[in-house]
Amino acid sequence: MRTVRDGAWVVARPGPVDAEVGPLEWERRPPPVPGAGEILVEVEACGVCRTDLHLAEGDLPPRVPRCTPGHEVVGRVTATGPDVTEFAVGDRAGVAWLAGVCGRCRYCRGGRENLCPESTYTGWDRHGGYAGFVTTDARFAYPLPDGPPAEELAPLLCAGIIGHRALARAELPPGGLLGLYGFGASAHLTAQMALARGARLAVFTRGAAARDLARELGAGFAGDSYDPPPEPLDAAILFAPVGELVPVALAALDRGGTLSVAGIHLTDIPALNYQRHLFQERTLRSVTANTRADGRAFLAEAARVRPTIRVNRYPMHRADTALADLAADRVTGVAVLLAD
């Protein structure tokens, strides 16, 4: 039987994950060799993100042939390349979405490296963590504590970090009512961080199990995606990749409210009505990746808050099943691949 140590999953045929012959294929390959400034990480766990699904199904055009998905990686450093000072062999490390930036452009110099035109990403521009081993630039990896289980740390590295940035972009006032549209991996973490800051929470999602989880975690309201809120929202975040929900969420905002769109992919947005959706200084914002400062700030906050993480565990050799379950809304919380 194949094992996680002897290869990796690759996107061989971008297309529906529920097809008879799906997009993923197992490929035997030796562990990569870390280059200058890189570390080699033996994978303990890798979160399954909706971005992986977009890559597998072709919503995101592949940037390298037969790319290995996965950018929520927890593992141990087993080798270091020349000039690495950030990690030593045996350290626990997290490999996240942002994999590299130029460091020279005005965005990098101005503290907005997430907008760097030359930015690269784990599991899109370079092979990710649906594998036994992964390499990464040591400057973009995160030191992780030894204690927490790998499957609880993995979702923090994208679902948590991007939710942190989306919450900042939403500009929720203290004690305000935050609306979350969609309640998957990122939303169920963001909800807990917002509640810990003193926010009130309304969740809008089509899944009954997700609504139950939202109430369990402290949401004061949990309804269908198209339900009106109990009162106007002070801010909202759209996690579902559904453009039709943009006008719905904008119409639910109070005066001066902001809608933050957290996904890398979104279906087309219908025409907006100025009076209903944008007047009274309502704001629509996108969220583009994150900075390393975002990652460090979120991981420090999560260590204090210790959010409850609803984990659906899959062995690494069932990555194709995990993606199919995510596509079919059979995952409540987060899906995580564990080393076989």
Protein backbone atom coordinates (compact mmCIF):
# COMPACT_ATOMS: atom_id res chain seq x y z
CA MET A 1 0.00 0.00 0.00
CA ARG A 2 1.22 3.53 -0.73
CA THR A 3 2.30 5.54 2.31
CA VAL A 4 2.60 9.24 2.85
CA ARG A 5 6.39 9.00 3.10
CA ASP A 6 7.00 7.80 -0.44
CA GLY A 7 5.32 10.49 -2.49
CA ALA A 8 2.67 13.14 -2.84
CA TRP A 9 -0.73 13.93 -4.29
CA VAL A 10 -0.68 16.01 -7.47
CA VAL A 11 -3.37 17.80 -9.49
CA ALA A 12 -3.14 15.74 -12.67
CA ARG A 13 -6.47 16.63 -14.31
CA PRO A 14 -8.14 19.82 -12.99
CA GLY A 15 -11.86 19.13 -12.82
CA PRO A 16 -14.73 18.08 -10.52
CA VAL A 17 -13.57 16.16 -7.47
CA ASP A 18 -16.66 13.94 -7.60
CA ALA A 19 -15.92 12.69 -11.12
CA GLU A 20 -15.25 8.98 -11.66
CA VAL A 21 -11.62 9.88 -12.35
CA GLY A 22 -10.95 12.89 -10.15
CA PRO A 23 -8.27 15.56 -10.44
CA LEU A 24 -5.85 14.13 -7.86
CA GLU A 25 -3.31 11.42 -8.52
CA TRP A 26 -0.74 9.83 -6.21
CA GLU A 27 2.84 10.21 -7.39
CA ARG A 28 5.87 8.48 -5.95
CA ARG A 29 8.82 10.82 -5.46
CA PRO A 30 11.77 11.11 -3.08
CA PRO A 31 11.89 13.86 -0.45
CA PRO A 32 12.97 17.18 -2.00
CA VAL A 33 16.34 18.69 -1.13
CA PRO A 34 16.20 22.10 0.58
CA GLY A 35 18.00 24.87 -1.25
CA ALA A 36 19.70 27.94 0.15
CA GLY A 37 17.54 29.52 2.85
CA GLU A 38 15.08 26.60 2.82
CA ILE A 39 14.04 23.96 5.31
CA LEU A 40 12.75 20.44 4.67
CA VAL A 41 9.68 19.61 6.76
CA GLU A 42 8.35 16.09 7.35
CA VAL A 43 4.57 16.50 7.33
CA GLU A 44 2.61 15.59 10.46
CA ALA A 45 -0.67 17.12 9.30
CA CYS A 46 -2.02 19.32 6.53
CA GLY A 47 -5.30 21.19 6.60
CA VAL A 48 -7.71 20.89 3.67
CA CYS A 49 -8.59 24.39 2.51
CA ARG A 50 -11.23 25.50 0.01
CA THR A 51 -8.38 27.05 -1.98
CA ASP A 52 -7.08 23.50 -2.51
CA LEU A 53 -10.49 22.63 -3.90
CA HIS A 54 -10.42 25.63 -6.25
CA LEU A 55 -6.99 24.50 -7.50
CA ALA A 56 -8.06 20.89 -7.97
CA GLU A 57 -11.25 21.80 -9.81
CA GLY A 58 -9.61 24.39 -12.06
CA ASP A 59 -11.11 27.59 -10.61
CA LEU A 60 -7.51 28.65 -9.98
CA PRO A 61 -5.31 28.04 -13.04
CA PRO A 62 -2.38 25.81 -11.99
CA ARG A 63 0.94 27.66 -11.94
CA VAL A 64 3.19 24.60 -11.90
CA PRO A 65 2.45 21.31 -13.66
CA ARG A 66 1.22 18.48 -11.44
CA CYS A 67 1.18 20.75 -8.41
CA THR A 68 0.82 19.26 -4.93
CA PRO A 69 -1.88 21.16 -2.98
CA GLY A 70 -1.81 22.03 0.70
CA HIS A 71 -0.74 25.14 2.59
CA GLU A 72 -1.68 24.45 6.22
CA VAL A 73 1.28 22.23 7.04
CA VAL A 74 2.55 21.20 10.46
CA GLY A 75 5.70 19.12 10.72
CA ARG A 76 9.27 18.67 11.92
CA VAL A 77 12.35 20.12 10.29
CA THR A 78 14.47 17.21 9.04
CA ALA A 79 17.08 19.14 7.06
CA THR A 80 18.16 22.73 6.44
CA GLY A 81 19.75 24.32 3.41
CA PRO A 82 22.66 26.75 3.49
CA ASP A 83 22.17 30.10 5.25
CA VAL A 84 19.20 29.02 7.42
CA THR A 85 19.24 30.67 10.84
CA GLU A 86 15.54 30.59 11.77
CA PHE A 87 15.18 26.81 12.36
CA ALA A 88 17.24 23.78 13.36
CA VAL A 89 16.67 20.10 12.69
CA GLY A 90 13.98 18.79 15.06
CA ASP A 91 12.10 22.08 15.37
CA ARG A 92 8.36 22.10 14.78
CA ALA A 93 7.40 24.38 11.90
CA GLY A 94 4.29 25.61 10.14
CA VAL A 95 4.19 26.09 6.38
CA ALA A 96 1.48 28.52 5.28
CA TRP A 97 -0.02 30.06 2.12
CA LEU A 98 2.39 32.95 1.55
CA ALA A 99 5.62 31.40 0.30
CA GLY A 100 7.65 34.34 -0.97
CA VAL A 101 7.73 38.02 -1.96
CA CYS A 102 10.23 40.17 -3.81
CA GLY A 103 11.07 42.37 -0.81
CA ARG A 104 11.83 45.31 -3.12
CA CYS A 105 8.53 46.70 -4.43
CA ARG A 106 6.63 49.57 -2.83
CA TYR A 107 4.13 47.11 -1.33
CA CYS A 108 6.83 45.09 0.40
CA ARG A 109 8.64 48.22 1.57
CA GLY A 110 5.37 49.70 2.84
CA GLY A 111 4.33 46.71 4.99
CA ARG A 112 1.84 45.35 2.44
CA GLU A 113 3.75 42.34 1.17
CA ASN A 114 0.47 40.50 0.60
CA LEU A 115 0.03 42.75 -2.48
CA CYS A 116 3.51 42.07 -3.90
CA PRO A 117 3.17 41.44 -7.68
CA GLU A 118 5.85 38.74 -7.42
CA SER A 119 4.34 36.94 -4.41
CA THR A 120 4.32 33.15 -4.51
CA TYR A 121 2.16 30.64 -2.67
CA THR A 122 2.48 27.19 -1.16
CA GLY A 123 0.42 24.61 -2.99
CA TRP A 124 0.06 26.84 -6.06
CA ASP A 125 3.47 28.19 -7.11
CA ARG A 126 5.41 25.50 -5.27
CA HIS A 127 4.48 22.04 -4.05
CA GLY A 128 2.47 21.91 -0.85
CA GLY A 129 1.69 19.60 2.03
CA TYR A 130 -0.44 16.78 0.58
CA ALA A 131 2.79 14.84 0.78
CA GLY A 132 5.35 13.21 3.04
CA PHE A 133 7.75 16.14 2.88
CA VAL A 134 7.68 19.77 1.81
CA THR A 135 10.32 22.48 1.44
CA THR A 136 9.78 26.13 2.23
CA ASP A 137 11.71 29.36 2.56
CA ALA A 138 12.59 29.45 6.25
CA ARG A 139 11.73 33.17 6.43
CA PHE A 140 8.10 32.36 5.60
CA ALA A 141 7.65 29.44 8.02
CA TYR A 142 6.26 29.83 11.54
CA PRO A 143 7.79 28.31 14.70
CA LEU A 144 5.15 26.16 16.40
CA PRO A 145 4.89 24.84 19.97
CA ASP A 146 5.45 21.16 20.69
CA GLY A 147 2.37 20.60 22.84
CA PRO A 148 -0.80 21.04 20.74
CA PRO A 149 -1.87 18.24 18.37
CA ALA A 150 -0.81 18.82 14.76
CA GLU A 151 -4.40 18.56 13.52
CA GLU A 152 -5.39 21.52 15.73
CA LEU A 153 -2.46 23.69 14.67
CA ALA A 154 -2.79 23.08 10.93
CA PRO A 155 -6.05 25.02 10.33
CA LEU A 156 -4.62 28.05 12.11
CA LEU A 157 -2.06 28.50 9.31
CA CYS A 158 -4.58 29.62 6.68
CA ALA A 159 -8.17 29.41 7.91
CA GLY A 160 -7.12 31.23 11.04
CA ILE A 161 -4.73 33.74 9.50
CA ILE A 162 -6.98 34.76 6.61
CA GLY A 163 -9.91 35.09 9.00
CA HIS A 164 -7.76 37.35 11.17
CA ARG A 165 -7.03 39.63 8.20
CA ALA A 166 -10.66 39.55 7.02
CA LEU A 167 -11.80 40.60 10.50
CA ALA A 168 -9.35 43.50 10.47
CA ARG A 169 -10.56 44.56 7.01
CA ALA A 170 -14.17 44.50 8.23
CA GLU A 171 -13.42 47.21 10.80
CA LEU A 172 -15.89 45.90 13.37
CA PRO A 173 -16.48 48.50 16.11
CA PRO A 174 -16.08 47.41 19.76
CA GLY A 175 -19.08 45.36 20.87
CA GLY A 176 -20.55 45.48 17.35
CA LEU A 177 -22.67 42.88 15.59
CA LEU A 178 -20.60 40.85 13.11
CA GLY A 179 -22.28 38.85 10.35
CA LEU A 180 -20.51 35.80 8.92
CA TYR A 181 -21.74 34.43 5.59
CA GLY A 182 -20.65 30.82 5.28
CA PHE A 183 -19.47 28.88 8.32
CA GLY A 184 -16.64 26.57 7.35
CA ALA A 185 -13.06 26.25 8.53
CA SER A 186 -12.11 29.92 8.57
CA ALA A 187 -15.45 31.26 9.79
CA HIS A 188 -15.69 28.96 12.80
CA LEU A 189 -12.25 30.16 13.96
CA THR A 190 -12.91 33.83 13.17
CA ALA A 191 -16.19 33.67 15.08
CA GLN A 192 -14.41 32.64 18.26
CA MET A 193 -11.72 35.26 17.93
CA ALA A 194 -14.36 37.97 17.40
CA LEU A 195 -16.40 36.77 20.38
CA ALA A 196 -13.27 36.81 22.55
CA ARG A 197 -12.83 40.47 21.60
CA GLY A 198 -16.35 41.24 22.82
CA ALA A 199 -18.23 41.15 19.51
CA ARG A 200 -21.76 39.88 19.00
CA LEU A 201 -22.27 37.33 16.24
CA ALA A 202 -24.84 36.49 13.57
CA VAL A 203 -24.15 33.57 11.21
CA PHE A 204 -25.76 32.94 7.82
CA THR A 205 -25.16 29.55 6.23
CA ARG A 206 -27.14 26.94 4.34
CA GLY A 207 -25.98 23.94 6.39
CA ALA A 208 -28.04 22.90 9.41
CA ALA A 209 -25.01 21.28 11.08
CA ALA A 210 -22.98 24.47 10.55
CA ARG A 211 -25.78 26.54 12.11
CA ASP A 212 -25.81 24.21 15.12
CA LEU A 213 -22.04 24.61 15.48
CA ALA A 214 -22.37 28.40 15.27
CA ARG A 215 -24.88 28.43 18.12
CA GLU A 216 -22.70 26.04 20.13
CA LEU A 217 -19.74 28.39 19.76
CA GLY A 218 -21.74 31.42 20.90
CA ALA A 219 -23.57 32.96 17.95
CA GLY A 220 -26.64 34.87 19.03
CA PHE A 221 -28.30 34.23 15.67
CA ALA A 222 -27.80 31.47 13.09
CA GLY A 223 -29.95 31.42 9.96
CA ASP A 224 -29.97 30.56 6.29
CA SER A 225 -27.62 32.38 3.92
CA TYR A 226 -30.41 34.61 2.61
CA ASP A 227 -32.19 35.32 5.90
CA PRO A 228 -32.37 38.93 7.13
CA PRO A 229 -30.32 39.68 10.25
CA PRO A 230 -32.03 40.26 13.60
CA GLU A 231 -30.77 43.85 13.41
CA PRO A 232 -28.51 45.74 10.98
CA LEU A 233 -24.95 44.42 10.98
CA ASP A 234 -22.05 46.66 12.00
CA ALA A 235 -19.70 44.60 9.81
CA ALA A 236 -19.76 41.38 7.84
CA ILE A 237 -17.37 38.86 6.31
CA LEU A 238 -18.24 36.74 3.29
CA PHE A 239 -16.47 33.38 3.49
CA ALA A 240 -18.69 31.47 1.04
CA PRO A 241 -17.34 31.80 -2.55
CA VAL A 242 -20.79 32.88 -3.75
CA GLY A 243 -21.03 36.25 -5.50
CA GLU A 244 -24.83 36.27 -5.14
CA LEU A 245 -24.37 36.83 -1.41
CA VAL A 246 -22.52 40.13 -1.85
CA PRO A 247 -25.68 42.24 -2.35
CA VAL A 248 -27.43 40.22 0.37
CA ALA A 249 -24.70 41.01 2.88
CA LEU A 250 -24.39 44.66 1.82
CA ALA A 251 -28.14 45.16 2.25
CA ALA A 252 -27.86 43.71 5.76
CA LEU A 253 -25.25 46.27 6.84
CA ASP A 254 -26.03 49.24 9.01
CA ARG A 255 -24.94 52.70 7.92
CA GLY A 256 -21.14 52.93 7.74
CA GLY A 257 -20.77 49.14 7.81
CA THR A 258 -18.13 47.18 5.90
CA LEU A 259 -18.36 43.87 4.05
CA SER A 260 -15.04 42.03 3.80
CA VAL A 261 -14.79 39.27 1.16
CA ALA A 262 -12.35 36.66 2.41
CA GLY A 263 -11.97 34.19 -0.46
CA ILE A 264 -9.39 33.99 -3.24
CA HIS A 265 -12.16 32.93 -5.67
CA LEU A 266 -15.70 34.29 -5.95
CA THR A 267 -18.43 33.65 -8.49
CA ASP A 268 -19.71 36.70 -10.36
CA ILE A 269 -21.35 39.44 -8.31
CA PRO A 270 -24.81 40.53 -9.52
CA ALA A 271 -25.50 44.18 -10.28
CA LEU A 272 -25.59 46.35 -7.17
CA ASN A 273 -28.16 49.01 -6.45
CA TYR A 274 -26.43 52.13 -5.18
CA GLN A 275 -29.16 53.20 -2.77
CA ARG A 276 -29.80 49.74 -1.32
CA HIS A 277 -26.27 48.37 -1.20
CA LEU A 278 -23.67 51.15 -1.00
CA PHE A 279 -25.25 54.47 0.00
CA GLN A 280 -24.86 55.66 3.61
CA GLU A 281 -21.14 54.90 3.37
CA ARG A 282 -21.35 51.14 3.24
CA THR A 283 -18.03 49.66 2.09
CA LEU A 284 -17.16 46.55 0.05
CA ARG A 285 -13.59 45.24 0.47
CA SER A 286 -11.60 42.28 -0.78
CA VAL A 287 -9.00 40.39 1.24
CA THR A 288 -5.82 39.36 -0.56
CA ALA A 289 -3.65 36.76 1.18
CA ASN A 290 -1.84 38.00 4.30
CA THR A 291 1.42 39.37 5.55
CA ARG A 292 3.78 37.46 7.79
CA ALA A 293 2.97 40.04 10.47
CA ASP A 294 -0.68 38.96 10.20
CA GLY A 295 0.39 35.37 10.74
CA ARG A 296 2.50 36.11 13.78
CA ALA A 297 -0.20 38.32 15.33
CA PHE A 298 -2.92 35.72 14.81
CA LEU A 299 -0.89 32.79 16.15
CA ALA A 300 -0.08 34.80 19.29
CA GLU A 301 -3.75 35.72 19.77
CA ALA A 302 -4.88 32.12 19.15
CA ALA A 303 -2.42 30.90 21.79
CA ARG A 304 -4.21 33.16 24.28
CA VAL A 305 -7.80 32.49 23.17
CA ARG A 306 -7.32 28.76 22.41
CA PRO A 307 -10.29 28.44 20.05
CA THR A 308 -12.23 25.21 19.87
CA ILE A 309 -11.44 23.53 16.56
CA ARG A 310 -13.94 21.06 15.10
CA VAL A 311 -11.61 18.64 13.30
CA ASN A 312 -12.61 16.05 10.70
CA ARG A 313 -9.60 13.72 10.42
CA TYR A 314 -8.54 11.90 7.24
CA PRO A 315 -5.46 9.78 6.62
CA MET A 316 -3.20 11.31 3.98
CA HIS A 317 -4.00 8.52 1.51
CA ARG A 318 -7.64 9.72 1.50
CA ALA A 319 -6.97 13.30 0.41
CA ASP A 320 -9.24 12.85 -2.59
CA THR A 321 -12.09 11.84 -0.27
CA ALA A 322 -11.48 14.85 1.97
CA LEU A 323 -11.72 17.24 -0.99
CA ALA A 324 -14.89 15.54 -2.24
CA ASP A 325 -16.46 15.86 1.22
CA LEU A 326 -15.51 19.54 1.35
CA ALA A 327 -17.04 20.15 -2.08
CA ALA A 328 -20.28 18.42 -1.04
CA ASP A 329 -20.56 20.33 2.28
CA ARG A 330 -20.05 17.16 4.29
CA VAL A 331 -17.38 18.85 6.45
CA THR A 332 -18.49 20.82 9.50
CA GLY A 333 -15.51 22.70 10.91
CA VAL A 334 -12.18 21.77 9.36
CA ALA A 335 -10.82 18.79 7.44
CA VAL A 336 -7.24 17.76 8.19
CA LEU A 337 -5.00 15.15 6.56
CA LEU A 338 -2.82 13.16 8.96
CA ALA A 339 0.39 11.37 8.10
CA ASP A 340 -0.30 7.68 7.52
